[in-house]
Amino acid sequence: VMIHKKKSRRRLSKAYKRRRRIVYRNRAILVLCVTLLIGTCVWGIRRKMSGRENQSVLAETSIDWKGAPAINLRLLTPNQYSRPQKKLRRVKGIVIHYTANPGSTAQANHNYFEGLKYGSETYASSHFIVGLDGEVIQNIPTTEQAYASNTRNDDTIAIETCHQDESGAYNKKTYASMVQLTGWLCVRYNLNADDVIRHYDITGKICPKYFVDHEDAWKEFKADVQDKIEEVKNEQQGG
């Protein structure tokens, strides 16, 4: 009788362990399925939100893109240091800046703005960056403020510009894109060349250096912008 009871207990123990293994396995499978489901949902939501954001920036029906330069949309991650997502109250002007970092590219400056999200205690950004090859990167939607123009952050669009040397002078490709982007933005917001200002005109900071050091070059730039405004208007009107 004792031998029979021991064998029965062993059989019960093995059956219990087998059932326990099955329960643990099923739990693990359930956890994996739930994790995959949550991950898929989160990915879908983020993709949908990103699509809506891009659409809000690029596919606004009120925008006529004729005359605009090629714009690479690389929006900064929302963060308190470079993209606070504060609403731009209205657009009353375009502010020209320079990087003060000779030889740096548009992408390098974009990466710098993006890196500020990690908490360097520096607040800086711009809506656009014009690079050494004339490329244009958009960092922030024009419906939001950039940390660029001090007391004019809430009613201006900021354009950061790259330069090759300490003088701050622009090469032909950069200059041409600056004129085209500024002129097109003026048409978009019903502005003229008198609404285009330097960072210097707001705070007295030597920025953009070349246009502060050479007043005649600044006047020539504004004249070129006014010519571009008329050109873009004619293009959009089919003239």
C-alpha atoms as a PDB file:
ATOM      1  CA  VAL A   1       0.000   0.000   0.000  1.00  0.00           C
ATOM      2  CA  MET A   2       2.830   2.425   0.848  1.00  0.00           C
ATOM      3  CA  ILE A   3       4.578   1.750  -2.476  1.00  0.00           C
ATOM      4  CA  HIS A   4       1.345   2.432  -4.345  1.00  0.00           C
ATOM      5  CA  LYS A   5       0.861   5.736  -2.471  1.00  0.00           C
ATOM      6  CA  LYS A   6       4.430   6.864  -3.281  1.00  0.00           C
ATOM      7  CA  LYS A   7       3.959   6.132  -6.994  1.00  0.00           C
ATOM      8  CA  SER A   8       0.636   7.961  -6.953  1.00  0.00           C
ATOM      9  CA  ARG A   9       2.249  10.981  -5.295  1.00  0.00           C
ATOM     10  CA  ARG A  10       5.071  10.997  -7.876  1.00  0.00           C
ATOM     11  CA  ARG A  11       2.536  10.881 -10.694  1.00  0.00           C
ATOM     12  CA  LEU A  12       0.584  13.748  -9.133  1.00  0.00           C
ATOM     13  CA  SER A  13       3.787  15.759  -8.671  1.00  0.00           C
ATOM     14  CA  LYS A  14       4.787  15.288 -12.314  1.00  0.00           C
ATOM     15  CA  ALA A  15       1.292  16.229 -13.489  1.00  0.00           C
ATOM     16  CA  TYR A  16       1.340  19.341 -11.300  1.00  0.00           C
ATOM     17  CA  LYS A  17       4.740  20.409 -12.639  1.00  0.00           C
ATOM     18  CA  ARG A  18       3.568  19.795 -16.203  1.00  0.00           C
ATOM     19  CA  ARG A  19       0.437  21.915 -15.691  1.00  0.00           C
ATOM     20  CA  ARG A  20       2.530  24.633 -14.048  1.00  0.00           C
ATOM     21  CA  ARG A  21       4.918  24.710 -17.028  1.00  0.00           C
ATOM     22  CA  ILE A  22       1.953  25.020 -19.381  1.00  0.00           C
ATOM     23  CA  VAL A  23       0.504  27.889 -17.310  1.00  0.00           C
ATOM     24  CA  TYR A  24       3.862  29.748 -17.283  1.00  0.00           C
ATOM     25  CA  ARG A  25       4.300  29.194 -21.010  1.00  0.00           C
ATOM     26  CA  ASN A  26       0.810  30.511 -21.751  1.00  0.00           C
ATOM     27  CA  ARG A  27       1.419  33.526 -19.539  1.00  0.00           C
ATOM     28  CA  ALA A  28       4.668  34.270 -21.352  1.00  0.00           C
ATOM     29  CA  ILE A  29       2.910  34.001 -24.717  1.00  0.00           C
ATOM     30  CA  LEU A  30       0.136  36.304 -23.495  1.00  0.00           C
ATOM     31  CA  VAL A  31       2.620  38.895 -22.228  1.00  0.00           C
ATOM     32  CA  LEU A  32       4.499  38.791 -25.545  1.00  0.00           C
ATOM     33  CA  CYS A  33       1.280  39.224 -27.538  1.00  0.00           C
ATOM     34  CA  VAL A  34       0.151  42.159 -25.371  1.00  0.00           C
ATOM     35  CA  THR A  35       3.588  43.806 -25.661  1.00  0.00           C
ATOM     36  CA  LEU A  36       3.542  43.451 -29.444  1.00  0.00           C
ATOM     37  CA  LEU A  37       0.004  44.817 -29.610  1.00  0.00           C
ATOM     38  CA  ILE A  38       0.863  47.864 -27.488  1.00  0.00           C
ATOM     39  CA  GLY A  39       4.033  48.496 -29.482  1.00  0.00           C
ATOM     40  CA  THR A  40       2.119  48.336 -32.764  1.00  0.00           C
ATOM     41  CA  CYS A  41      -0.531  50.745 -31.460  1.00  0.00           C
ATOM     42  CA  VAL A  42       2.083  53.236 -30.216  1.00  0.00           C
ATOM     43  CA  TRP A  43       3.949  53.067 -33.537  1.00  0.00           C
ATOM     44  CA  GLY A  44       0.725  53.646 -35.428  1.00  0.00           C
ATOM     45  CA  ILE A  45      -0.247  56.634 -33.282  1.00  0.00           C
ATOM     46  CA  ARG A  46       3.200  58.232 -33.636  1.00  0.00           C
ATOM     47  CA  ARG A  47       3.177  57.698 -37.382  1.00  0.00           C
ATOM     48  CA  LYS A  48      -0.285  59.206 -37.664  1.00  0.00           C
ATOM     49  CA  MET A  49       0.722  62.226 -35.555  1.00  0.00           C
ATOM     50  CA  SER A  50       3.889  62.715 -37.599  1.00  0.00           C
ATOM     51  CA  GLY A  51       1.868  62.565 -40.788  1.00  0.00           C
ATOM     52  CA  ARG A  52      -0.567  65.156 -39.486  1.00  0.00           C
ATOM     53  CA  GLU A  53       2.306  67.444 -38.451  1.00  0.00           C
ATOM     54  CA  ASN A  54       3.992  67.189 -41.835  1.00  0.00           C
ATOM     55  CA  GLN A  55       0.679  67.775 -43.547  1.00  0.00           C
ATOM     56  CA  SER A  56       0.022  70.863 -41.452  1.00  0.00           C
ATOM     57  CA  VAL A  57       3.381  72.292 -42.505  1.00  0.00           C
ATOM     58  CA  LEU A  58       3.625  71.306 -46.150  1.00  0.00           C
ATOM     59  CA  ALA A  59       0.133  70.681 -47.456  1.00  0.00           C
ATOM     60  CA  GLU A  60      -1.735  73.794 -46.388  1.00  0.00           C
ATOM     61  CA  THR A  61      -4.136  74.625 -49.171  1.00  0.00           C
ATOM     62  CA  SER A  62      -3.577  78.357 -48.646  1.00  0.00           C
ATOM     63  CA  ILE A  63       0.101  78.132 -49.575  1.00  0.00           C
ATOM     64  CA  ASP A  64       1.273  78.753 -53.120  1.00  0.00           C
ATOM     65  CA  TRP A  65       4.655  77.063 -53.434  1.00  0.00           C
ATOM     66  CA  LYS A  66       5.578  78.717 -56.739  1.00  0.00           C
ATOM     67  CA  GLY A  67       8.816  80.606 -56.293  1.00  0.00           C
ATOM     68  CA  ALA A  68       9.813  78.750 -53.112  1.00  0.00           C
ATOM     69  CA  PRO A  69      13.241  77.113 -52.863  1.00  0.00           C
ATOM     70  CA  ALA A  70      13.508  73.382 -52.229  1.00  0.00           C
ATOM     71  CA  ILE A  71      12.849  73.010 -48.508  1.00  0.00           C
ATOM     72  CA  ASN A  72      14.035  69.970 -46.559  1.00  0.00           C
ATOM     73  CA  LEU A  73      11.556  69.430 -43.742  1.00  0.00           C
ATOM     74  CA  ARG A  74      13.463  68.185 -40.692  1.00  0.00           C
ATOM     75  CA  LEU A  75      11.421  69.356 -37.744  1.00  0.00           C
ATOM     76  CA  LEU A  76      13.079  69.437 -34.359  1.00  0.00           C
ATOM     77  CA  THR A  77      11.767  67.174 -31.630  1.00  0.00           C
ATOM     78  CA  PRO A  78       9.448  69.249 -29.420  1.00  0.00           C
ATOM     79  CA  ASN A  79      11.403  70.304 -26.319  1.00  0.00           C
ATOM     80  CA  GLN A  80      11.750  73.322 -24.044  1.00  0.00           C
ATOM     81  CA  TYR A  81      15.194  74.365 -25.303  1.00  0.00           C
ATOM     82  CA  SER A  82      14.802  74.605 -29.091  1.00  0.00           C
ATOM     83  CA  ARG A  83      11.196  73.853 -30.049  1.00  0.00           C
ATOM     84  CA  PRO A  84       8.836  74.932 -27.259  1.00  0.00           C
ATOM     85  CA  GLN A  85       5.770  74.742 -29.542  1.00  0.00           C
ATOM     86  CA  LYS A  86       4.639  78.207 -28.520  1.00  0.00           C
ATOM     87  CA  LYS A  87       2.189  79.648 -31.022  1.00  0.00           C
ATOM     88  CA  LEU A  88       3.508  82.323 -33.375  1.00  0.00           C
ATOM     89  CA  ARG A  89       1.120  85.212 -32.793  1.00  0.00           C
ATOM     90  CA  ARG A  90       1.460  86.619 -36.318  1.00  0.00           C
ATOM     91  CA  VAL A  91       4.188  87.242 -38.886  1.00  0.00           C
ATOM     92  CA  LYS A  92       5.249  90.888 -39.069  1.00  0.00           C
ATOM     93  CA  GLY A  93       8.803  90.388 -40.256  1.00  0.00           C
ATOM     94  CA  ILE A  94      11.630  88.125 -41.380  1.00  0.00           C
ATOM     95  CA  VAL A  95      14.845  88.160 -39.319  1.00  0.00           C
ATOM     96  CA  ILE A  96      18.215  87.236 -40.854  1.00  0.00           C
ATOM     97  CA  HIS A  97      20.841  85.609 -38.609  1.00  0.00           C
ATOM     98  CA  TYR A  98      24.242  84.043 -39.173  1.00  0.00           C
ATOM     99  CA  THR A  99      25.680  80.981 -37.453  1.00  0.00           C
ATOM    100  CA  ALA A 100      28.946  82.619 -36.253  1.00  0.00           C
ATOM    101  CA  ASN A 101      30.496  79.207 -36.915  1.00  0.00           C
ATOM    102  CA  PRO A 102      32.566  79.465 -40.131  1.00  0.00           C
ATOM    103  CA  GLY A 103      32.385  76.468 -42.446  1.00  0.00           C
ATOM    104  CA  SER A 104      29.587  74.721 -40.563  1.00  0.00           C
ATOM    105  CA  THR A 105      26.835  73.150 -42.654  1.00  0.00           C
ATOM    106  CA  ALA A 106      23.087  73.523 -42.461  1.00  0.00           C
ATOM    107  CA  GLN A 107      22.807  69.930 -41.240  1.00  0.00           C
ATOM    108  CA  ALA A 108      25.419  70.491 -38.523  1.00  0.00           C
ATOM    109  CA  ASN A 109      23.507  73.506 -37.226  1.00  0.00           C
ATOM    110  CA  HIS A 110      20.243  71.567 -37.363  1.00  0.00           C
ATOM    111  CA  ASN A 111      21.906  68.790 -35.345  1.00  0.00           C
ATOM    112  CA  TYR A 112      23.066  71.363 -32.797  1.00  0.00           C
ATOM    113  CA  PHE A 113      19.516  72.653 -32.329  1.00  0.00           C
ATOM    114  CA  GLU A 114      18.218  69.094 -32.035  1.00  0.00           C
ATOM    115  CA  GLY A 115      20.851  68.221 -29.440  1.00  0.00           C
ATOM    116  CA  LEU A 116      19.694  71.000 -27.135  1.00  0.00           C
ATOM    117  CA  LYS A 117      16.731  68.818 -26.125  1.00  0.00           C
ATOM    118  CA  TYR A 118      19.050  66.895 -23.794  1.00  0.00           C
ATOM    119  CA  GLY A 119      19.149  69.866 -21.431  1.00  0.00           C
ATOM    120  CA  SER A 120      22.175  72.080 -22.015  1.00  0.00           C
ATOM    121  CA  GLU A 121      20.364  75.092 -20.546  1.00  0.00           C
ATOM    122  CA  THR A 122      20.879  76.865 -23.893  1.00  0.00           C
ATOM    123  CA  TYR A 123      17.788  78.116 -25.706  1.00  0.00           C
ATOM    124  CA  ALA A 124      18.307  78.495 -29.457  1.00  0.00           C
ATOM    125  CA  SER A 125      16.760  77.622 -32.824  1.00  0.00           C
ATOM    126  CA  SER A 126      15.522  79.079 -36.090  1.00  0.00           C
ATOM    127  CA  HIS A 127      12.704  78.313 -38.476  1.00  0.00           C
ATOM    128  CA  PHE A 128      15.056  77.837 -41.426  1.00  0.00           C
ATOM    129  CA  ILE A 129      18.765  77.294 -42.084  1.00  0.00           C
ATOM    130  CA  VAL A 130      20.353  78.140 -45.435  1.00  0.00           C
ATOM    131  CA  GLY A 131      23.491  76.082 -46.083  1.00  0.00           C
ATOM    132  CA  LEU A 132      26.759  76.517 -47.930  1.00  0.00           C
ATOM    133  CA  ASP A 133      25.397  74.737 -51.015  1.00  0.00           C
ATOM    134  CA  GLY A 134      22.186  76.744 -50.960  1.00  0.00           C
ATOM    135  CA  GLU A 135      20.213  73.963 -49.300  1.00  0.00           C
ATOM    136  CA  VAL A 136      17.354  74.983 -47.016  1.00  0.00           C
ATOM    137  CA  ILE A 137      16.364  73.054 -43.880  1.00  0.00           C
ATOM    138  CA  GLN A 138      13.163  73.828 -42.008  1.00  0.00           C
ATOM    139  CA  ASN A 139      13.486  73.179 -38.265  1.00  0.00           C
ATOM    140  CA  ILE A 140      10.218  74.586 -36.944  1.00  0.00           C
ATOM    141  CA  PRO A 141       6.761  75.107 -38.481  1.00  0.00           C
ATOM    142  CA  THR A 142       6.031  78.724 -39.294  1.00  0.00           C
ATOM    143  CA  THR A 143       3.025  78.488 -36.977  1.00  0.00           C
ATOM    144  CA  GLU A 144       5.380  78.154 -33.978  1.00  0.00           C
ATOM    145  CA  GLN A 145       7.977  80.401 -32.349  1.00  0.00           C
ATOM    146  CA  ALA A 146      11.721  79.833 -32.650  1.00  0.00           C
ATOM    147  CA  TYR A 147      14.252  80.869 -30.007  1.00  0.00           C
ATOM    148  CA  ALA A 148      16.150  83.293 -32.225  1.00  0.00           C
ATOM    149  CA  SER A 149      15.070  86.905 -32.183  1.00  0.00           C
ATOM    150  CA  ASN A 150      14.592  87.806 -28.526  1.00  0.00           C
ATOM    151  CA  THR A 151      11.639  90.191 -28.106  1.00  0.00           C
ATOM    152  CA  ARG A 152      10.502  89.484 -31.679  1.00  0.00           C
ATOM    153  CA  ASN A 153      10.173  85.716 -31.350  1.00  0.00           C
ATOM    154  CA  ASP A 154       6.400  85.924 -31.275  1.00  0.00           C
ATOM    155  CA  ASP A 155       5.902  87.814 -34.546  1.00  0.00           C
ATOM    156  CA  THR A 156       8.840  87.002 -36.836  1.00  0.00           C
ATOM    157  CA  ILE A 157      10.277  84.120 -38.836  1.00  0.00           C
ATOM    158  CA  ALA A 158      13.987  83.452 -38.275  1.00  0.00           C
ATOM    159  CA  ILE A 159      16.408  82.447 -41.033  1.00  0.00           C
ATOM    160  CA  GLU A 160      19.840  81.185 -39.920  1.00  0.00           C
ATOM    161  CA  THR A 161      22.549  81.447 -42.586  1.00  0.00           C
ATOM    162  CA  CYS A 162      25.828  79.580 -43.042  1.00  0.00           C
ATOM    163  CA  HIS A 163      29.077  81.294 -44.085  1.00  0.00           C
ATOM    164  CA  GLN A 164      32.538  80.131 -45.057  1.00  0.00           C
ATOM    165  CA  ASP A 165      34.876  82.334 -43.018  1.00  0.00           C
ATOM    166  CA  GLU A 166      35.146  84.760 -40.101  1.00  0.00           C
ATOM    167  CA  SER A 167      34.023  87.706 -42.234  1.00  0.00           C
ATOM    168  CA  GLY A 168      30.535  86.249 -42.438  1.00  0.00           C
ATOM    169  CA  ALA A 169      30.433  86.819 -46.212  1.00  0.00           C
ATOM    170  CA  TYR A 170      28.149  84.548 -48.231  1.00  0.00           C
ATOM    171  CA  ASN A 171      28.998  82.501 -51.281  1.00  0.00           C
ATOM    172  CA  LYS A 172      26.799  82.731 -54.382  1.00  0.00           C
ATOM    173  CA  LYS A 173      24.730  79.611 -53.646  1.00  0.00           C
ATOM    174  CA  THR A 174      23.926  80.610 -50.084  1.00  0.00           C
ATOM    175  CA  TYR A 175      23.115  84.176 -51.074  1.00  0.00           C
ATOM    176  CA  ALA A 176      20.798  83.108 -53.909  1.00  0.00           C
ATOM    177  CA  SER A 177      18.833  80.790 -51.613  1.00  0.00           C
ATOM    178  CA  MET A 178      18.634  83.474 -48.916  1.00  0.00           C
ATOM    179  CA  VAL A 179      17.107  85.893 -51.417  1.00  0.00           C
ATOM    180  CA  GLN A 180      14.698  83.299 -52.794  1.00  0.00           C
ATOM    181  CA  LEU A 181      13.527  82.032 -49.397  1.00  0.00           C
ATOM    182  CA  THR A 182      13.148  85.528 -47.947  1.00  0.00           C
ATOM    183  CA  GLY A 183      11.341  86.849 -51.008  1.00  0.00           C
ATOM    184  CA  TRP A 184       8.939  83.905 -51.098  1.00  0.00           C
ATOM    185  CA  LEU A 185       8.170  84.205 -47.374  1.00  0.00           C
ATOM    186  CA  CYS A 186       7.461  87.906 -47.857  1.00  0.00           C
ATOM    187  CA  VAL A 187       4.923  87.089 -50.553  1.00  0.00           C
ATOM    188  CA  ARG A 188       3.374  84.367 -48.414  1.00  0.00           C
ATOM    189  CA  TYR A 189       2.876  86.734 -45.470  1.00  0.00           C
ATOM    190  CA  ASN A 190       2.147  89.888 -47.481  1.00  0.00           C
ATOM    191  CA  LEU A 191       5.369  91.606 -46.432  1.00  0.00           C
ATOM    192  CA  ASN A 192       7.907  93.703 -48.326  1.00  0.00           C
ATOM    193  CA  ALA A 193      11.667  94.196 -48.104  1.00  0.00           C
ATOM    194  CA  ASP A 194      11.263  96.829 -45.387  1.00  0.00           C
ATOM    195  CA  ASP A 195       9.905  94.062 -43.142  1.00  0.00           C
ATOM    196  CA  VAL A 196      13.169  92.127 -43.480  1.00  0.00           C
ATOM    197  CA  ILE A 197      15.527  92.947 -40.616  1.00  0.00           C
ATOM    198  CA  ARG A 198      18.776  91.801 -39.043  1.00  0.00           C
ATOM    199  CA  HIS A 199      19.138  90.350 -35.578  1.00  0.00           C
ATOM    200  CA  TYR A 200      21.294  93.437 -35.033  1.00  0.00           C
ATOM    201  CA  ASP A 201      18.271  95.688 -35.585  1.00  0.00           C
ATOM    202  CA  ILE A 202      16.541  94.106 -32.579  1.00  0.00           C
ATOM    203  CA  THR A 203      19.307  93.766 -29.999  1.00  0.00           C
ATOM    204  CA  GLY A 204      22.441  95.410 -31.387  1.00  0.00           C
ATOM    205  CA  LYS A 205      24.158  92.023 -31.628  1.00  0.00           C
ATOM    206  CA  ILE A 206      26.632  91.792 -34.532  1.00  0.00           C
ATOM    207  CA  CYS A 207      24.449  89.352 -36.459  1.00  0.00           C
ATOM    208  CA  PRO A 208      24.569  88.712 -39.339  1.00  0.00           C
ATOM    209  CA  LYS A 209      28.139  89.996 -39.209  1.00  0.00           C
ATOM    210  CA  TYR A 210      28.717  90.722 -42.895  1.00  0.00           C
ATOM    211  CA  PHE A 211      25.483  92.693 -43.216  1.00  0.00           C
ATOM    212  CA  VAL A 212      26.277  94.652 -40.058  1.00  0.00           C
ATOM    213  CA  ASP A 213      29.845  95.423 -41.125  1.00  0.00           C
ATOM    214  CA  HIS A 214      28.779  96.288 -44.687  1.00  0.00           C
ATOM    215  CA  GLU A 215      25.647  98.404 -44.715  1.00  0.00           C
ATOM    216  CA  ASP A 216      25.809  98.679 -48.509  1.00  0.00           C
ATOM    217  CA  ALA A 217      25.669  94.868 -48.802  1.00  0.00           C
ATOM    218  CA  TRP A 218      22.607  94.819 -46.541  1.00  0.00           C
ATOM    219  CA  LYS A 219      20.856  97.431 -48.690  1.00  0.00           C
ATOM    220  CA  GLU A 220      21.731  95.427 -51.801  1.00  0.00           C
ATOM    221  CA  PHE A 221      20.320  92.267 -50.210  1.00  0.00           C
ATOM    222  CA  LYS A 222      17.032  94.004 -49.415  1.00  0.00           C
ATOM    223  CA  ALA A 223      16.846  95.333 -52.964  1.00  0.00           C
ATOM    224  CA  ASP A 224      17.408  91.822 -54.294  1.00  0.00           C
ATOM    225  CA  VAL A 225      14.676  90.538 -51.971  1.00  0.00           C
ATOM    226  CA  GLN A 226      12.251  93.181 -53.258  1.00  0.00           C
ATOM    227  CA  ASP A 227      13.024  92.133 -56.837  1.00  0.00           C
ATOM    228  CA  LYS A 228      12.421  88.507 -55.848  1.00  0.00           C
ATOM    229  CA  ILE A 229       9.104  89.461 -54.254  1.00  0.00           C
ATOM    230  CA  GLU A 230       7.901  90.941 -57.543  1.00  0.00           C
ATOM    231  CA  GLU A 231       9.218  87.919 -59.440  1.00  0.00           C
ATOM    232  CA  VAL A 232       7.399  85.450 -57.158  1.00  0.00           C
ATOM    233  CA  LYS A 233       4.182  87.431 -57.332  1.00  0.00           C
ATOM    234  CA  ASN A 234       4.307  87.389 -61.126  1.00  0.00           C
ATOM    235  CA  GLU A 235       5.028  83.669 -61.132  1.00  0.00           C
ATOM    236  CA  GLN A 236       2.140  82.912 -58.800  1.00  0.00           C
ATOM    237  CA  GLN A 237      -0.216  85.084 -60.825  1.00  0.00           C
ATOM    238  CA  GLY A 238       0.881  83.348 -64.011  1.00  0.00           C
ATOM    239  CA  GLY A 239       2.550  86.448 -65.397  1.00  0.00           C
END
